[in-house]
Amino acid sequence: MVKKREEMKREKKFRKKPVVIEAFQFTDESKDAAYRWASSHQMNIDPSFDDHEGPILSIPTLEGEMICRIGDWIIRGVNGEFYPCKPDIFEKTYEPVTPSSATAEEILVKHGFFLMTHKNSNEEVRKAFIEPVLSAMTEFAAQQVAEATKDCYPKTFTKWFRSDEFYEIFNEGTDNEGLIQWEYMSSGQILDTLDELLDYWTNNIEQ
C-alpha cells in the first residue's frame, strides 16, 4: 500500500495511442470540396471571409468556435468531431495511411471487389472526394488482387482481371452504395461480383 501511494505521487510517461483520422486540406483549389465534405457530416460549419477577404470556415467545437484558414487541414476525429489544424502541426503529427495486403483482403468481399462505406454521401461529395479516392486506389487494387485472391481464383484469371484486354470488354464504375461493378460494353449487362467475372472469363477467355 505504501509503495502504491508513492507511485501515485510521481509523474509517469505515457505514449499516445495510434489513431486513424480523416483529413482534408483547405486550399484555394479545394476549399469548396473541403467545405462540402465537412458540412455533409457537421451541418453547423459555416463558410465566410476574414478581414482580408480570405475564405475561412467557422467550425464549432467543444472548446468553442475555431477558424480554418487557407492551408489549414480540417480533421475529422475518432468520435466524428471536426477541428482545424495548422499545416506544420499536421505534418509533425500525422502521416498518410498506407494500405497493406491485409487491408486488401479485408475489403475484398463476397459480393464484389471493394466495399466503400459512403452510403450517406450526396452526389457532390461523391464526385469531389470519393471518386478521386477510388481512382487513386485503382493502381493499388491491381497490384493486390493477385495476392488477395490467390487461394480463390486461378492465377490466369487474376492476371487478366484489370488488364488492357479486360478494359476492352468492360467499363468499371460504382453503384449507388459505392460497390464497384463492371458493365459488359457489348450488351450493357452489369456484373457486380468477381464470381460473375470468373464465369465470363471461363466461358469466353480461357482456352
N, C-alpha and C. Protein backbone atom coordinates (compact mmCIF):
# COMPACT_ATOMS: atom_id res chain seq x y z
N MET A 1 0.83 -1.20 0.00
CA MET A 1 0.00 0.00 0.00
C MET A 1 0.87 1.26 0.00
N VAL A 2 1.95 1.25 0.78
CA VAL A 2 2.84 2.41 0.82
C VAL A 2 3.49 2.63 -0.53
N LYS A 3 3.91 1.53 -1.15
CA LYS A 3 4.57 1.63 -2.46
C LYS A 3 3.61 2.20 -3.49
N LYS A 4 2.36 1.76 -3.47
CA LYS A 4 1.37 2.25 -4.41
C LYS A 4 1.14 3.74 -4.23
N ARG A 5 1.08 4.21 -2.98
CA ARG A 5 0.90 5.64 -2.73
C ARG A 5 2.07 6.45 -3.25
N GLU A 6 3.29 5.90 -3.07
CA GLU A 6 4.47 6.60 -3.56
C GLU A 6 4.44 6.72 -5.08
N GLU A 7 3.98 5.64 -5.76
CA GLU A 7 3.91 5.68 -7.23
C GLU A 7 2.91 6.72 -7.70
N MET A 8 1.84 6.90 -6.95
CA MET A 8 0.82 7.87 -7.35
C MET A 8 1.31 9.30 -7.25
N LYS A 9 2.36 9.54 -6.50
CA LYS A 9 2.89 10.89 -6.32
C LYS A 9 3.87 11.27 -7.41
N ARG A 10 4.28 10.31 -8.22
CA ARG A 10 5.29 10.57 -9.24
C ARG A 10 4.64 10.69 -10.62
N GLU A 11 5.27 11.51 -11.47
CA GLU A 11 4.79 11.61 -12.83
C GLU A 11 5.15 10.32 -13.59
N LYS A 12 4.38 10.00 -14.56
CA LYS A 12 4.65 8.84 -15.40
C LYS A 12 4.66 9.24 -16.86
N LYS A 13 5.32 8.45 -17.66
CA LYS A 13 5.36 8.70 -19.09
C LYS A 13 4.27 7.88 -19.78
N PHE A 14 3.61 8.50 -20.75
CA PHE A 14 2.57 7.82 -21.50
C PHE A 14 2.82 8.00 -22.99
N ARG A 15 2.43 7.02 -23.76
CA ARG A 15 2.52 7.09 -25.21
C ARG A 15 1.12 7.23 -25.79
N LYS A 16 0.95 8.19 -26.67
CA LYS A 16 -0.35 8.41 -27.28
C LYS A 16 -0.73 7.22 -28.15
N LYS A 17 -1.97 6.76 -28.00
CA LYS A 17 -2.43 5.63 -28.80
C LYS A 17 -2.49 6.01 -30.27
N PRO A 18 -2.05 5.13 -31.16
CA PRO A 18 -2.17 5.43 -32.59
C PRO A 18 -3.63 5.41 -33.03
N VAL A 19 -4.05 6.45 -33.71
CA VAL A 19 -5.42 6.54 -34.21
C VAL A 19 -5.38 6.93 -35.69
N VAL A 20 -6.43 6.56 -36.40
CA VAL A 20 -6.57 6.92 -37.80
C VAL A 20 -7.66 7.97 -37.91
N ILE A 21 -7.33 9.08 -38.52
CA ILE A 21 -8.29 10.17 -38.69
C ILE A 21 -8.51 10.42 -40.18
N GLU A 22 -9.57 11.15 -40.51
CA GLU A 22 -9.79 11.63 -41.87
C GLU A 22 -9.46 13.12 -41.91
N ALA A 23 -8.87 13.55 -43.00
CA ALA A 23 -8.49 14.96 -43.09
C ALA A 23 -8.59 15.46 -44.52
N PHE A 24 -8.86 16.74 -44.67
CA PHE A 24 -9.00 17.37 -45.98
C PHE A 24 -8.34 18.74 -45.86
N GLN A 25 -7.36 19.03 -46.73
CA GLN A 25 -6.70 20.32 -46.64
C GLN A 25 -7.53 21.40 -47.31
N PHE A 26 -7.65 22.53 -46.64
CA PHE A 26 -8.45 23.67 -47.09
C PHE A 26 -7.54 24.60 -47.88
N THR A 27 -7.56 24.50 -49.21
CA THR A 27 -6.72 25.32 -50.07
C THR A 27 -7.60 26.11 -51.03
N ASP A 28 -6.97 27.01 -51.79
CA ASP A 28 -7.73 27.77 -52.79
C ASP A 28 -8.40 26.83 -53.79
N GLU A 29 -7.69 25.76 -54.15
CA GLU A 29 -8.23 24.83 -55.14
C GLU A 29 -9.29 23.90 -54.56
N SER A 30 -9.14 23.53 -53.29
CA SER A 30 -10.01 22.51 -52.72
C SER A 30 -11.03 23.05 -51.72
N LYS A 31 -11.10 24.37 -51.56
CA LYS A 31 -11.93 24.93 -50.47
C LYS A 31 -13.40 24.53 -50.59
N ASP A 32 -13.94 24.52 -51.81
CA ASP A 32 -15.35 24.15 -51.97
C ASP A 32 -15.57 22.67 -51.64
N ALA A 33 -14.68 21.83 -52.14
CA ALA A 33 -14.82 20.39 -51.88
C ALA A 33 -14.61 20.09 -50.40
N ALA A 34 -13.67 20.80 -49.78
CA ALA A 34 -13.41 20.58 -48.36
C ALA A 34 -14.63 20.98 -47.52
N TYR A 35 -15.25 22.10 -47.89
CA TYR A 35 -16.44 22.53 -47.16
C TYR A 35 -17.58 21.54 -47.34
N ARG A 36 -17.79 21.06 -48.57
CA ARG A 36 -18.88 20.11 -48.81
C ARG A 36 -18.66 18.83 -48.02
N TRP A 37 -17.41 18.39 -47.96
CA TRP A 37 -17.10 17.16 -47.21
C TRP A 37 -17.39 17.35 -45.73
N ALA A 38 -16.88 18.43 -45.15
CA ALA A 38 -17.05 18.64 -43.71
C ALA A 38 -18.52 18.91 -43.35
N SER A 39 -19.19 19.76 -44.13
CA SER A 39 -20.56 20.12 -43.80
C SER A 39 -21.54 18.98 -44.04
N SER A 40 -21.15 17.99 -44.85
CA SER A 40 -22.03 16.83 -45.04
C SER A 40 -22.10 15.99 -43.78
N HIS A 41 -21.11 16.13 -42.89
CA HIS A 41 -21.10 15.40 -41.62
C HIS A 41 -21.52 16.29 -40.45
N GLN A 42 -21.15 17.58 -40.51
CA GLN A 42 -21.46 18.51 -39.42
C GLN A 42 -22.05 19.78 -40.04
N MET A 43 -23.36 19.93 -39.91
CA MET A 43 -24.07 20.95 -40.67
C MET A 43 -23.83 22.38 -40.19
N ASN A 44 -23.30 22.58 -38.99
CA ASN A 44 -23.13 23.95 -38.47
C ASN A 44 -21.77 24.54 -38.79
N ILE A 45 -21.06 23.99 -39.76
CA ILE A 45 -19.81 24.59 -40.24
C ILE A 45 -20.17 25.64 -41.29
N ASP A 46 -19.70 26.87 -41.08
CA ASP A 46 -20.12 27.99 -41.93
C ASP A 46 -18.94 28.57 -42.72
N PRO A 47 -19.12 28.74 -44.04
CA PRO A 47 -18.10 29.42 -44.85
C PRO A 47 -18.23 30.93 -44.70
N SER A 48 -17.10 31.63 -44.72
CA SER A 48 -17.15 33.08 -44.59
C SER A 48 -15.83 33.65 -45.13
N PHE A 49 -15.55 34.92 -44.81
CA PHE A 49 -14.32 35.57 -45.24
C PHE A 49 -13.73 36.33 -44.05
N ASP A 50 -12.40 36.41 -44.00
CA ASP A 50 -11.77 37.17 -42.93
C ASP A 50 -11.67 38.64 -43.33
N ASP A 51 -10.98 39.44 -42.52
CA ASP A 51 -10.89 40.88 -42.78
C ASP A 51 -10.15 41.20 -44.07
N HIS A 52 -9.37 40.25 -44.56
CA HIS A 52 -8.62 40.46 -45.81
C HIS A 52 -9.29 39.77 -46.99
N GLU A 53 -10.57 39.43 -46.83
CA GLU A 53 -11.36 38.77 -47.87
C GLU A 53 -10.84 37.37 -48.22
N GLY A 54 -10.12 36.78 -47.29
CA GLY A 54 -9.68 35.40 -47.49
C GLY A 54 -10.75 34.42 -47.02
N PRO A 55 -10.99 33.36 -47.79
CA PRO A 55 -12.01 32.39 -47.39
C PRO A 55 -11.63 31.67 -46.10
N ILE A 56 -12.62 31.47 -45.24
CA ILE A 56 -12.41 30.75 -43.98
C ILE A 56 -13.62 29.85 -43.72
N LEU A 57 -13.45 28.93 -42.80
CA LEU A 57 -14.55 28.12 -42.30
C LEU A 57 -14.63 28.30 -40.79
N SER A 58 -15.82 28.56 -40.29
CA SER A 58 -16.04 28.63 -38.84
C SER A 58 -16.54 27.27 -38.37
N ILE A 59 -15.76 26.63 -37.50
CA ILE A 59 -16.06 25.26 -37.07
C ILE A 59 -16.34 25.26 -35.57
N PRO A 60 -17.60 25.04 -35.16
CA PRO A 60 -17.90 24.92 -33.73
C PRO A 60 -17.29 23.63 -33.16
N THR A 61 -16.61 23.74 -32.03
CA THR A 61 -16.03 22.58 -31.36
C THR A 61 -16.39 22.64 -29.88
N LEU A 62 -16.03 21.59 -29.15
CA LEU A 62 -16.29 21.57 -27.71
C LEU A 62 -15.52 22.66 -26.99
N GLU A 63 -14.41 23.14 -27.58
CA GLU A 63 -13.61 24.20 -26.98
C GLU A 63 -14.02 25.58 -27.47
N GLY A 64 -15.07 25.64 -28.27
CA GLY A 64 -15.50 26.92 -28.83
C GLY A 64 -15.34 26.94 -30.34
N GLU A 65 -15.66 28.07 -30.94
CA GLU A 65 -15.55 28.20 -32.39
C GLU A 65 -14.09 28.33 -32.81
N MET A 66 -13.70 27.55 -33.82
CA MET A 66 -12.35 27.63 -34.36
C MET A 66 -12.42 28.01 -35.83
N ILE A 67 -11.40 28.72 -36.29
CA ILE A 67 -11.36 29.21 -37.66
C ILE A 67 -10.36 28.40 -38.48
N CYS A 68 -10.82 27.90 -39.61
CA CYS A 68 -9.95 27.20 -40.55
C CYS A 68 -9.63 28.15 -41.70
N ARG A 69 -8.33 28.39 -41.92
CA ARG A 69 -7.90 29.30 -42.97
C ARG A 69 -7.21 28.54 -44.09
N ILE A 70 -6.98 29.23 -45.20
CA ILE A 70 -6.34 28.61 -46.34
C ILE A 70 -5.00 27.98 -45.92
N GLY A 71 -4.80 26.73 -46.30
CA GLY A 71 -3.59 26.00 -45.94
C GLY A 71 -3.79 25.07 -44.75
N ASP A 72 -4.79 25.37 -43.91
CA ASP A 72 -5.06 24.51 -42.76
C ASP A 72 -5.67 23.18 -43.20
N TRP A 73 -5.57 22.22 -42.32
CA TRP A 73 -6.22 20.93 -42.52
C TRP A 73 -7.49 20.87 -41.68
N ILE A 74 -8.55 20.31 -42.26
CA ILE A 74 -9.76 20.02 -41.50
C ILE A 74 -9.69 18.55 -41.10
N ILE A 75 -9.75 18.29 -39.81
CA ILE A 75 -9.63 16.93 -39.30
C ILE A 75 -10.97 16.45 -38.78
N ARG A 76 -11.31 15.22 -39.11
CA ARG A 76 -12.45 14.55 -38.51
C ARG A 76 -11.89 13.51 -37.54
N GLY A 77 -12.11 13.71 -36.25
CA GLY A 77 -11.52 12.85 -35.23
C GLY A 77 -12.23 11.52 -35.08
N VAL A 78 -11.74 10.74 -34.13
CA VAL A 78 -12.24 9.37 -33.95
C VAL A 78 -13.69 9.33 -33.50
N ASN A 79 -14.19 10.41 -32.91
CA ASN A 79 -15.58 10.47 -32.48
C ASN A 79 -16.46 11.25 -33.45
N GLY A 80 -15.92 11.55 -34.64
CA GLY A 80 -16.69 12.28 -35.64
C GLY A 80 -16.62 13.78 -35.51
N GLU A 81 -15.85 14.27 -34.55
CA GLU A 81 -15.75 15.72 -34.33
C GLU A 81 -14.81 16.35 -35.37
N PHE A 82 -15.07 17.63 -35.69
CA PHE A 82 -14.25 18.34 -36.67
C PHE A 82 -13.50 19.48 -35.99
N TYR A 83 -12.27 19.70 -36.44
CA TYR A 83 -11.48 20.82 -35.93
C TYR A 83 -10.35 21.10 -36.91
N PRO A 84 -9.89 22.36 -36.99
CA PRO A 84 -8.81 22.71 -37.91
C PRO A 84 -7.44 22.44 -37.29
N CYS A 85 -6.45 22.31 -38.15
CA CYS A 85 -5.08 22.06 -37.69
C CYS A 85 -4.12 22.78 -38.65
N LYS A 86 -3.16 23.51 -38.08
CA LYS A 86 -2.17 24.20 -38.90
C LYS A 86 -1.30 23.19 -39.64
N PRO A 87 -0.89 23.53 -40.87
CA PRO A 87 -0.16 22.56 -41.69
C PRO A 87 1.14 22.06 -41.08
N ASP A 88 1.87 22.93 -40.36
CA ASP A 88 3.13 22.47 -39.77
C ASP A 88 2.88 21.49 -38.64
N ILE A 89 1.85 21.72 -37.85
CA ILE A 89 1.50 20.78 -36.78
C ILE A 89 1.00 19.47 -37.38
N PHE A 90 0.19 19.59 -38.43
CA PHE A 90 -0.34 18.39 -39.08
C PHE A 90 0.80 17.52 -39.60
N GLU A 91 1.80 18.15 -40.24
CA GLU A 91 2.92 17.39 -40.80
C GLU A 91 3.72 16.68 -39.72
N LYS A 92 3.86 17.30 -38.55
CA LYS A 92 4.61 16.69 -37.46
C LYS A 92 3.83 15.57 -36.76
N THR A 93 2.50 15.64 -36.84
CA THR A 93 1.65 14.75 -36.06
C THR A 93 1.13 13.56 -36.85
N TYR A 94 0.87 13.75 -38.14
CA TYR A 94 0.20 12.71 -38.92
C TYR A 94 1.04 12.30 -40.13
N GLU A 95 0.76 11.10 -40.60
CA GLU A 95 1.34 10.60 -41.83
C GLU A 95 0.26 9.82 -42.57
N PRO A 96 0.37 9.72 -43.90
CA PRO A 96 -0.66 9.00 -44.66
C PRO A 96 -0.75 7.54 -44.24
N VAL A 97 -1.97 7.01 -44.28
CA VAL A 97 -2.17 5.59 -44.02
C VAL A 97 -1.90 4.84 -45.30
N THR A 98 -0.96 3.91 -45.25
CA THR A 98 -0.61 3.12 -46.42
C THR A 98 -1.33 1.78 -46.38
N PRO A 99 -2.14 1.45 -47.40
CA PRO A 99 -2.83 0.17 -47.40
C PRO A 99 -1.83 -0.98 -47.41
N SER A 100 -2.18 -2.09 -46.78
CA SER A 100 -1.35 -3.29 -46.77
C SER A 100 -2.11 -4.42 -47.43
N SER A 101 -1.44 -5.53 -47.68
CA SER A 101 -2.11 -6.68 -48.28
C SER A 101 -3.20 -7.19 -47.36
N ALA A 102 -3.01 -7.05 -46.04
CA ALA A 102 -4.04 -7.47 -45.10
C ALA A 102 -5.30 -6.63 -45.29
N THR A 103 -5.11 -5.32 -45.51
CA THR A 103 -6.26 -4.46 -45.75
C THR A 103 -6.97 -4.86 -47.03
N ALA A 104 -6.20 -5.23 -48.04
CA ALA A 104 -6.82 -5.65 -49.30
C ALA A 104 -7.70 -6.87 -49.09
N GLU A 105 -7.25 -7.81 -48.27
CA GLU A 105 -8.04 -8.99 -48.02
C GLU A 105 -9.32 -8.65 -47.26
N GLU A 106 -9.25 -7.66 -46.37
CA GLU A 106 -10.42 -7.28 -45.59
C GLU A 106 -11.48 -6.62 -46.46
N ILE A 107 -11.06 -5.82 -47.46
CA ILE A 107 -12.04 -5.11 -48.27
C ILE A 107 -12.48 -5.90 -49.49
N LEU A 108 -11.85 -7.03 -49.76
CA LEU A 108 -12.39 -7.94 -50.76
C LEU A 108 -13.59 -8.65 -50.14
N VAL A 109 -14.76 -8.44 -50.63
CA VAL A 109 -15.95 -9.03 -50.03
C VAL A 109 -16.61 -9.96 -51.02
N LYS A 110 -17.46 -10.84 -50.50
CA LYS A 110 -18.02 -11.90 -51.32
C LYS A 110 -18.92 -11.39 -52.43
N HIS A 111 -19.47 -10.18 -52.30
CA HIS A 111 -20.39 -9.67 -53.30
C HIS A 111 -19.74 -8.63 -54.23
N GLY A 112 -18.45 -8.51 -54.21
CA GLY A 112 -17.80 -7.55 -55.09
C GLY A 112 -16.34 -7.43 -54.76
N PHE A 113 -15.70 -6.40 -55.28
CA PHE A 113 -14.27 -6.25 -55.07
C PHE A 113 -13.99 -5.31 -53.92
N PHE A 114 -14.49 -4.07 -53.98
CA PHE A 114 -14.30 -3.11 -52.89
C PHE A 114 -15.64 -2.73 -52.30
N LEU A 115 -15.69 -2.62 -50.98
CA LEU A 115 -16.86 -2.10 -50.30
C LEU A 115 -16.50 -0.72 -49.75
N MET A 116 -17.08 0.31 -50.33
CA MET A 116 -16.80 1.67 -49.90
C MET A 116 -17.96 2.13 -49.02
N THR A 117 -17.72 2.45 -47.77
CA THR A 117 -18.79 2.78 -46.83
C THR A 117 -19.09 4.27 -46.86
N HIS A 118 -19.73 4.69 -47.94
CA HIS A 118 -20.11 6.09 -48.08
C HIS A 118 -21.58 6.18 -48.48
N LYS A 119 -22.45 5.38 -47.84
CA LYS A 119 -23.85 5.31 -48.25
C LYS A 119 -24.58 6.62 -48.03
N ASN A 120 -24.13 7.44 -47.09
CA ASN A 120 -24.84 8.68 -46.77
C ASN A 120 -24.29 9.89 -47.52
N SER A 121 -23.33 9.66 -48.41
CA SER A 121 -22.71 10.78 -49.11
C SER A 121 -23.60 11.25 -50.26
N ASN A 122 -23.73 12.57 -50.42
CA ASN A 122 -24.50 13.07 -51.54
C ASN A 122 -23.64 13.06 -52.80
N GLU A 123 -24.26 13.38 -53.92
CA GLU A 123 -23.58 13.25 -55.21
C GLU A 123 -22.39 14.20 -55.32
N GLU A 124 -22.52 15.42 -54.78
CA GLU A 124 -21.42 16.38 -54.87
C GLU A 124 -20.21 15.89 -54.09
N VAL A 125 -20.45 15.35 -52.89
CA VAL A 125 -19.34 14.83 -52.09
C VAL A 125 -18.71 13.63 -52.78
N ARG A 126 -19.55 12.79 -53.39
CA ARG A 126 -19.02 11.62 -54.10
C ARG A 126 -18.07 12.04 -55.21
N LYS A 127 -18.48 13.04 -55.99
CA LYS A 127 -17.65 13.48 -57.11
C LYS A 127 -16.39 14.18 -56.64
N ALA A 128 -16.51 14.96 -55.55
CA ALA A 128 -15.38 15.76 -55.08
C ALA A 128 -14.37 14.96 -54.29
N PHE A 129 -14.83 13.91 -53.59
CA PHE A 129 -13.95 13.24 -52.65
C PHE A 129 -13.84 11.74 -52.90
N ILE A 130 -14.98 11.06 -53.02
CA ILE A 130 -14.96 9.61 -53.09
C ILE A 130 -14.39 9.11 -54.42
N GLU A 131 -14.84 9.70 -55.53
CA GLU A 131 -14.37 9.23 -56.82
C GLU A 131 -12.85 9.40 -56.99
N PRO A 132 -12.25 10.53 -56.56
CA PRO A 132 -10.78 10.60 -56.62
C PRO A 132 -10.10 9.54 -55.77
N VAL A 133 -10.70 9.20 -54.62
CA VAL A 133 -10.13 8.14 -53.79
C VAL A 133 -10.19 6.81 -54.51
N LEU A 134 -11.33 6.52 -55.15
CA LEU A 134 -11.45 5.27 -55.91
C LEU A 134 -10.41 5.21 -57.02
N SER A 135 -10.23 6.36 -57.70
CA SER A 135 -9.25 6.40 -58.78
C SER A 135 -7.84 6.15 -58.26
N ALA A 136 -7.52 6.76 -57.11
CA ALA A 136 -6.18 6.59 -56.53
C ALA A 136 -5.93 5.16 -56.09
N MET A 137 -7.01 4.46 -55.71
CA MET A 137 -6.86 3.09 -55.23
C MET A 137 -6.73 2.08 -56.34
N THR A 138 -7.01 2.50 -57.60
CA THR A 138 -7.04 1.54 -58.70
C THR A 138 -5.70 0.84 -58.88
N GLU A 139 -4.60 1.61 -58.85
CA GLU A 139 -3.29 1.01 -59.03
C GLU A 139 -2.97 0.04 -57.91
N PHE A 140 -3.28 0.45 -56.68
CA PHE A 140 -3.06 -0.44 -55.55
C PHE A 140 -3.88 -1.71 -55.68
N ALA A 141 -5.14 -1.56 -56.10
CA ALA A 141 -6.01 -2.72 -56.23
C ALA A 141 -5.46 -3.70 -57.26
N ALA A 142 -4.97 -3.18 -58.38
CA ALA A 142 -4.44 -4.05 -59.41
C ALA A 142 -3.22 -4.83 -58.90
N GLN A 143 -2.40 -4.20 -58.07
CA GLN A 143 -1.22 -4.86 -57.53
C GLN A 143 -1.58 -5.92 -56.50
N GLN A 144 -2.67 -5.67 -55.75
CA GLN A 144 -3.01 -6.54 -54.64
C GLN A 144 -3.97 -7.67 -54.98
N VAL A 145 -4.69 -7.55 -56.10
CA VAL A 145 -5.75 -8.53 -56.36
C VAL A 145 -5.21 -9.95 -56.47
N ALA A 146 -4.04 -10.12 -57.08
CA ALA A 146 -3.50 -11.46 -57.22
C ALA A 146 -3.17 -12.08 -55.87
N GLU A 147 -2.58 -11.28 -54.98
CA GLU A 147 -2.23 -11.78 -53.65
C GLU A 147 -3.47 -12.05 -52.82
N ALA A 148 -4.43 -11.12 -52.88
CA ALA A 148 -5.61 -11.24 -52.04
C ALA A 148 -6.55 -12.35 -52.48
N THR A 149 -6.46 -12.77 -53.73
CA THR A 149 -7.37 -13.80 -54.23
C THR A 149 -6.64 -15.07 -54.65
N LYS A 150 -5.40 -15.20 -54.24
CA LYS A 150 -4.59 -16.31 -54.73
C LYS A 150 -5.15 -17.68 -54.38
N ASP A 151 -5.88 -17.76 -53.26
CA ASP A 151 -6.45 -19.05 -52.85
C ASP A 151 -7.86 -19.25 -53.37
N CYS A 152 -8.41 -18.24 -54.07
CA CYS A 152 -9.81 -18.31 -54.51
C CYS A 152 -9.96 -18.40 -56.02
N TYR A 153 -9.06 -17.79 -56.77
CA TYR A 153 -9.23 -17.68 -58.21
C TYR A 153 -7.96 -18.12 -58.94
N PRO A 154 -8.11 -18.63 -60.16
CA PRO A 154 -6.93 -19.04 -60.95
C PRO A 154 -6.00 -17.88 -61.20
N LYS A 155 -4.70 -18.16 -61.23
CA LYS A 155 -3.72 -17.10 -61.45
C LYS A 155 -3.93 -16.44 -62.80
N THR A 156 -4.32 -17.21 -63.80
CA THR A 156 -4.52 -16.63 -65.13
C THR A 156 -5.70 -15.67 -65.14
N PHE A 157 -6.70 -15.94 -64.28
CA PHE A 157 -7.83 -15.02 -64.16
C PHE A 157 -7.41 -13.72 -63.51
N THR A 158 -6.68 -13.78 -62.40
CA THR A 158 -6.25 -12.56 -61.71
C THR A 158 -5.29 -11.74 -62.57
N LYS A 159 -4.56 -12.40 -63.45
CA LYS A 159 -3.67 -11.67 -64.36
C LYS A 159 -4.49 -10.95 -65.43
N TRP A 160 -5.57 -11.59 -65.89
CA TRP A 160 -6.44 -10.99 -66.90
C TRP A 160 -7.26 -9.85 -66.32
N PHE A 161 -7.69 -10.01 -65.06
CA PHE A 161 -8.54 -9.01 -64.42
C PHE A 161 -7.83 -7.66 -64.36
N ARG A 162 -8.49 -6.61 -64.91
CA ARG A 162 -7.95 -5.26 -64.98
C ARG A 162 -6.73 -5.13 -65.89
N SER A 163 -6.56 -6.07 -66.80
CA SER A 163 -5.53 -5.93 -67.83
C SER A 163 -6.09 -5.05 -68.95
N ASP A 164 -5.25 -4.73 -69.95
CA ASP A 164 -5.73 -3.95 -71.09
C ASP A 164 -6.85 -4.69 -71.80
N GLU A 165 -6.70 -6.00 -71.91
CA GLU A 165 -7.75 -6.80 -72.57
C GLU A 165 -9.06 -6.72 -71.80
N PHE A 166 -8.97 -6.72 -70.46
CA PHE A 166 -10.17 -6.62 -69.63
C PHE A 166 -10.92 -5.33 -69.90
N TYR A 167 -10.18 -4.21 -69.98
CA TYR A 167 -10.83 -2.91 -70.16
C TYR A 167 -11.30 -2.68 -71.59
N GLU A 168 -10.92 -3.56 -72.52
CA GLU A 168 -11.50 -3.52 -73.86
C GLU A 168 -12.90 -4.13 -73.88
N ILE A 169 -13.22 -4.87 -72.81
CA ILE A 169 -14.50 -5.59 -72.73
C ILE A 169 -15.45 -4.94 -71.73
N PHE A 170 -14.89 -4.43 -70.62
CA PHE A 170 -15.71 -3.93 -69.52
C PHE A 170 -15.40 -2.47 -69.19
N ASN A 171 -16.46 -1.75 -68.83
CA ASN A 171 -16.32 -0.44 -68.20
C ASN A 171 -16.46 -0.63 -66.69
N GLU A 172 -15.64 0.06 -65.92
CA GLU A 172 -15.68 -0.06 -64.47
C GLU A 172 -16.31 1.18 -63.85
N GLY A 173 -17.20 0.96 -62.87
CA GLY A 173 -17.81 2.08 -62.17
C GLY A 173 -18.28 1.64 -60.80
N THR A 174 -19.11 2.46 -60.17
CA THR A 174 -19.65 2.12 -58.85
C THR A 174 -21.16 2.30 -58.86
N ASP A 175 -21.85 1.53 -58.00
CA ASP A 175 -23.28 1.70 -57.86
C ASP A 175 -23.58 2.76 -56.81
N ASN A 176 -24.84 2.91 -56.45
CA ASN A 176 -25.24 3.97 -55.52
C ASN A 176 -24.71 3.76 -54.11
N GLU A 177 -24.29 2.54 -53.78
CA GLU A 177 -23.77 2.26 -52.45
C GLU A 177 -22.25 2.21 -52.43
N GLY A 178 -21.62 2.55 -53.57
CA GLY A 178 -20.16 2.60 -53.60
C GLY A 178 -19.50 1.29 -53.96
N LEU A 179 -20.27 0.25 -54.28
CA LEU A 179 -19.67 -1.02 -54.67
C LEU A 179 -19.23 -0.96 -56.13
N ILE A 180 -18.03 -1.45 -56.39
CA ILE A 180 -17.54 -1.46 -57.76
C ILE A 180 -18.31 -2.49 -58.58
N GLN A 181 -18.66 -2.11 -59.80
CA GLN A 181 -19.34 -3.02 -60.71
C GLN A 181 -18.77 -2.83 -62.11
N TRP A 182 -19.04 -3.79 -62.98
CA TRP A 182 -18.46 -3.78 -64.32
C TRP A 182 -19.57 -3.92 -65.36
N GLU A 183 -19.55 -3.05 -66.37
CA GLU A 183 -20.53 -3.09 -67.45
C GLU A 183 -19.93 -3.77 -68.68
N TYR A 184 -20.59 -4.83 -69.13
CA TYR A 184 -20.17 -5.54 -70.35
C TYR A 184 -20.57 -4.67 -71.53
N MET A 185 -19.58 -4.06 -72.21
CA MET A 185 -19.85 -2.99 -73.17
C MET A 185 -20.70 -3.44 -74.34
N SER A 186 -20.56 -4.67 -74.79
CA SER A 186 -21.29 -5.11 -75.98
C SER A 186 -22.77 -5.29 -75.74
N SER A 187 -23.17 -5.52 -74.47
CA SER A 187 -24.59 -5.77 -74.18
C SER A 187 -25.17 -4.83 -73.13
N GLY A 188 -24.31 -4.13 -72.37
CA GLY A 188 -24.79 -3.29 -71.29
C GLY A 188 -25.09 -4.05 -70.01
N GLN A 189 -24.82 -5.35 -69.99
CA GLN A 189 -25.06 -6.16 -68.79
C GLN A 189 -24.13 -5.73 -67.67
N ILE A 190 -24.66 -5.67 -66.45
CA ILE A 190 -23.89 -5.27 -65.28
C ILE A 190 -23.47 -6.52 -64.50
N LEU A 191 -22.18 -6.64 -64.24
CA LEU A 191 -21.65 -7.70 -63.40
C LEU A 191 -21.14 -7.05 -62.12
N ASP A 192 -21.55 -7.55 -60.96
CA ASP A 192 -21.14 -6.90 -59.72
C ASP A 192 -20.46 -7.82 -58.73
N THR A 193 -20.02 -9.00 -59.19
CA THR A 193 -19.23 -9.87 -58.32
C THR A 193 -18.07 -10.44 -59.10
N LEU A 194 -17.02 -10.81 -58.40
CA LEU A 194 -15.88 -11.46 -59.05
C LEU A 194 -16.27 -12.81 -59.61
N ASP A 195 -17.20 -13.49 -58.95
CA ASP A 195 -17.63 -14.80 -59.45
C ASP A 195 -18.29 -14.67 -60.82
N GLU A 196 -19.05 -13.60 -61.03
CA GLU A 196 -19.66 -13.39 -62.35
C GLU A 196 -18.59 -13.12 -63.40
N LEU A 197 -17.57 -12.35 -63.02
CA LEU A 197 -16.46 -12.12 -63.94
C LEU A 197 -15.71 -13.41 -64.24
N LEU A 198 -15.57 -14.25 -63.22
CA LEU A 198 -14.89 -15.53 -63.41
C LEU A 198 -15.68 -16.40 -64.39
N ASP A 199 -17.01 -16.40 -64.27
CA ASP A 199 -17.84 -17.18 -65.20
C ASP A 199 -17.65 -16.69 -66.63
N TYR A 200 -17.62 -15.35 -66.80
CA TYR A 200 -17.40 -14.80 -68.14
C TYR A 200 -16.04 -15.23 -68.66
N TRP A 201 -15.02 -15.08 -67.83
CA TRP A 201 -13.66 -15.44 -68.24
C TRP A 201 -13.57 -16.93 -68.60
N THR A 202 -14.20 -17.78 -67.82
CA THR A 202 -14.15 -19.22 -68.05
C THR A 202 -14.81 -19.58 -69.38
N ASN A 203 -15.93 -18.92 -69.69
CA ASN A 203 -16.70 -19.26 -70.89
C ASN A 203 -16.21 -18.58 -72.16
N ASN A 204 -15.50 -17.45 -72.00
CA ASN A 204 -15.16 -16.66 -73.18
C ASN A 204 -13.68 -16.40 -73.40
N ILE A 205 -12.88 -16.43 -72.32
CA ILE A 205 -11.46 -16.05 -72.43
C ILE A 205 -10.54 -17.25 -72.31
N GLU A 206 -10.76 -18.05 -71.28
CA GLU A 206 -9.88 -19.18 -71.02
C GLU A 206 -9.96 -20.19 -72.15
N GLN A 207 -8.85 -20.56 -72.67
CA GLN A 207 -8.79 -21.56 -73.74
C GLN A 207 -7.85 -22.69 -73.37
